[in-house]
Amino acid sequence: MMPFRQLFDTSSTTFTCLFGCFTFRDAIIIDPLFEQHTGRTALLKALSLKVKYTVNTRARADHVTDSWLMKDSEAAKITRSDNYRAEGQFNWCQLVISELASAQ
């Protein structure tokens, strides 16, 4: 079973998505929002999941990422989508597909 949560932030009207794997206890968070870090960390703890990757699909003034907090607290790797050009980050889609394929 793969848990999925879509978290909505009313102040920025943006979504953060969480995908997890109960087998490996890993999670991927798409567009993590800085203001929701504490609540999302509590949710991850309740689900017994550890963030392996954060995925940033965009850069917007009203959606400040907390990928760097996830990197510091959980050693999560920071990734990006193809449409979001940020130096020092890599293509998440290719990475996730290759990791999922190797886990089979």
C-alpha atoms as a PDB file:
ATOM      1  CA  MET A   1       0.000   0.000   0.000  1.00  0.00           C
ATOM      2  CA  MET A   2       1.271   3.447  -0.917  1.00  0.00           C
ATOM      3  CA  PRO A   3       0.027   6.345   1.225  1.00  0.00           C
ATOM      4  CA  PHE A   4      -0.806   9.589  -0.545  1.00  0.00           C
ATOM      5  CA  ARG A   5      -1.726  12.902   1.032  1.00  0.00           C
ATOM      6  CA  GLN A   6      -2.564  16.144  -0.738  1.00  0.00           C
ATOM      7  CA  LEU A   7      -2.001  19.011   1.690  1.00  0.00           C
ATOM      8  CA  PHE A   8      -3.626  22.360   0.901  1.00  0.00           C
ATOM      9  CA  ASP A   9      -2.323  25.663   2.267  1.00  0.00           C
ATOM     10  CA  THR A  10      -5.088  28.278   2.452  1.00  0.00           C
ATOM     11  CA  SER A  11      -2.793  31.301   2.735  1.00  0.00           C
ATOM     12  CA  SER A  12      -0.917  30.583  -0.510  1.00  0.00           C
ATOM     13  CA  THR A  13      -3.656  28.440  -2.101  1.00  0.00           C
ATOM     14  CA  THR A  14      -1.044  25.864  -3.084  1.00  0.00           C
ATOM     15  CA  PHE A  15      -0.771  22.108  -2.662  1.00  0.00           C
ATOM     16  CA  THR A  16       1.963  19.901  -1.292  1.00  0.00           C
ATOM     17  CA  CYS A  17       1.777  16.213  -2.162  1.00  0.00           C
ATOM     18  CA  LEU A  18       3.216  13.365  -0.152  1.00  0.00           C
ATOM     19  CA  PHE A  19       3.779   9.881  -1.578  1.00  0.00           C
ATOM     20  CA  GLY A  20       5.052   7.139   0.685  1.00  0.00           C
ATOM     21  CA  CYS A  21       6.004   3.496   0.699  1.00  0.00           C
ATOM     22  CA  PHE A  22       5.149   1.432   3.767  1.00  0.00           C
ATOM     23  CA  THR A  23       7.446  -1.366   2.601  1.00  0.00           C
ATOM     24  CA  PHE A  24      10.600   0.785   2.647  1.00  0.00           C
ATOM     25  CA  ARG A  25       9.238   3.542   4.950  1.00  0.00           C
ATOM     26  CA  ASP A  26      10.374   6.216   2.469  1.00  0.00           C
ATOM     27  CA  ALA A  27       8.462   9.258   1.236  1.00  0.00           C
ATOM     28  CA  ILE A  28       8.657  11.798  -1.556  1.00  0.00           C
ATOM     29  CA  ILE A  29       7.260  15.282  -0.996  1.00  0.00           C
ATOM     30  CA  ILE A  30       6.327  17.449  -3.963  1.00  0.00           C
ATOM     31  CA  ASP A  31       6.453  21.226  -3.441  1.00  0.00           C
ATOM     32  CA  PRO A  32       7.000  21.260   0.332  1.00  0.00           C
ATOM     33  CA  LEU A  33       5.850  24.535   1.852  1.00  0.00           C
ATOM     34  CA  PHE A  34       7.987  26.195   4.519  1.00  0.00           C
ATOM     35  CA  GLU A  35       5.029  27.346   6.617  1.00  0.00           C
ATOM     36  CA  GLN A  36       3.676  23.779   6.848  1.00  0.00           C
ATOM     37  CA  HIS A  37       6.938  22.131   7.926  1.00  0.00           C
ATOM     38  CA  THR A  38       5.901  21.387  11.523  1.00  0.00           C
ATOM     39  CA  GLY A  39       2.537  19.860  10.624  1.00  0.00           C
ATOM     40  CA  ARG A  40       3.965  17.817   7.774  1.00  0.00           C
ATOM     41  CA  THR A  41       6.781  16.532   9.997  1.00  0.00           C
ATOM     42  CA  ALA A  42       4.154  15.375  12.516  1.00  0.00           C
ATOM     43  CA  LEU A  43       2.222  13.625   9.723  1.00  0.00           C
ATOM     44  CA  LEU A  44       5.371  11.845   8.538  1.00  0.00           C
ATOM     45  CA  LYS A  45       6.083  10.708  12.084  1.00  0.00           C
ATOM     46  CA  ALA A  46       2.498   9.443  12.486  1.00  0.00           C
ATOM     47  CA  LEU A  47       2.853   7.467   9.239  1.00  0.00           C
ATOM     48  CA  SER A  48       6.355   6.252  10.243  1.00  0.00           C
ATOM     49  CA  LEU A  49       7.826   7.615   7.005  1.00  0.00           C
ATOM     50  CA  LYS A  50      11.164   9.275   6.314  1.00  0.00           C
ATOM     51  CA  VAL A  51      11.544  11.767   3.468  1.00  0.00           C
ATOM     52  CA  LYS A  52      13.982  10.522   0.860  1.00  0.00           C
ATOM     53  CA  TYR A  53      13.362  13.206  -1.785  1.00  0.00           C
ATOM     54  CA  THR A  54      11.779  16.618  -2.030  1.00  0.00           C
ATOM     55  CA  VAL A  55      10.616  17.728  -5.471  1.00  0.00           C
ATOM     56  CA  ASN A  56      10.285  21.383  -6.411  1.00  0.00           C
ATOM     57  CA  THR A  57       8.144  22.019  -9.471  1.00  0.00           C
ATOM     58  CA  ARG A  58       8.201  25.799  -9.379  1.00  0.00           C
ATOM     59  CA  ALA A  59       9.618  28.874  -7.701  1.00  0.00           C
ATOM     60  CA  ARG A  60       7.001  31.352  -6.532  1.00  0.00           C
ATOM     61  CA  ALA A  61       7.027  34.153  -4.001  1.00  0.00           C
ATOM     62  CA  ASP A  62       3.902  32.776  -2.276  1.00  0.00           C
ATOM     63  CA  HIS A  63       5.243  29.209  -2.059  1.00  0.00           C
ATOM     64  CA  VAL A  64       8.539  29.178  -0.191  1.00  0.00           C
ATOM     65  CA  THR A  65      10.065  25.712  -0.177  1.00  0.00           C
ATOM     66  CA  ASP A  66      11.339  23.996   2.924  1.00  0.00           C
ATOM     67  CA  SER A  67      13.384  21.433   1.013  1.00  0.00           C
ATOM     68  CA  TRP A  68      16.481  22.683   2.786  1.00  0.00           C
ATOM     69  CA  LEU A  69      14.854  21.928   6.172  1.00  0.00           C
ATOM     70  CA  MET A  70      14.012  18.408   5.009  1.00  0.00           C
ATOM     71  CA  LYS A  71      17.600  18.022   3.824  1.00  0.00           C
ATOM     72  CA  ASP A  72      18.927  19.113   7.226  1.00  0.00           C
ATOM     73  CA  SER A  73      16.465  17.145   9.369  1.00  0.00           C
ATOM     74  CA  GLU A  74      16.058  13.967   7.312  1.00  0.00           C
ATOM     75  CA  ALA A  75      18.976  13.981   4.850  1.00  0.00           C
ATOM     76  CA  ALA A  76      16.452  14.261   2.010  1.00  0.00           C
ATOM     77  CA  LYS A  77      17.778  14.848  -1.473  1.00  0.00           C
ATOM     78  CA  ILE A  78      16.509  17.991  -3.200  1.00  0.00           C
ATOM     79  CA  THR A  79      15.248  17.507  -6.751  1.00  0.00           C
ATOM     80  CA  ARG A  80      13.420  19.543  -9.346  1.00  0.00           C
ATOM     81  CA  SER A  81      11.069  19.108 -12.253  1.00  0.00           C
ATOM     82  CA  ASP A  82      12.234  19.712 -15.819  1.00  0.00           C
ATOM     83  CA  ASN A  83      10.280  22.976 -15.911  1.00  0.00           C
ATOM     84  CA  TYR A  84      12.000  24.423 -12.853  1.00  0.00           C
ATOM     85  CA  ARG A  85      15.548  25.419 -13.690  1.00  0.00           C
ATOM     86  CA  ALA A  86      17.559  25.632 -10.503  1.00  0.00           C
ATOM     87  CA  GLU A  87      21.291  25.157 -10.287  1.00  0.00           C
ATOM     88  CA  GLY A  88      22.552  22.277  -8.206  1.00  0.00           C
ATOM     89  CA  GLN A  89      19.340  20.264  -8.461  1.00  0.00           C
ATOM     90  CA  PHE A  90      18.590  17.310 -10.702  1.00  0.00           C
ATOM     91  CA  ASN A  91      15.733  15.778 -12.661  1.00  0.00           C
ATOM     92  CA  TRP A  92      13.432  14.039 -10.173  1.00  0.00           C
ATOM     93  CA  CYS A  93      11.414  12.062 -12.684  1.00  0.00           C
ATOM     94  CA  GLN A  94      14.361  10.102 -14.064  1.00  0.00           C
ATOM     95  CA  LEU A  95      15.734   9.565 -10.570  1.00  0.00           C
ATOM     96  CA  VAL A  96      12.485   8.290  -9.048  1.00  0.00           C
ATOM     97  CA  ILE A  97      11.739   5.982 -11.984  1.00  0.00           C
ATOM     98  CA  SER A  98      15.220   4.456 -11.835  1.00  0.00           C
ATOM     99  CA  GLU A  99      14.989   3.975  -8.047  1.00  0.00           C
ATOM    100  CA  LEU A 100      11.547   2.396  -8.264  1.00  0.00           C
ATOM    101  CA  ALA A 101      12.723   0.074 -11.019  1.00  0.00           C
ATOM    102  CA  SER A 102      15.775  -1.028  -9.032  1.00  0.00           C
ATOM    103  CA  ALA A 103      13.628  -1.729  -5.940  1.00  0.00           C
ATOM    104  CA  GLN A 104      11.463  -4.261  -7.817  1.00  0.00           C
END
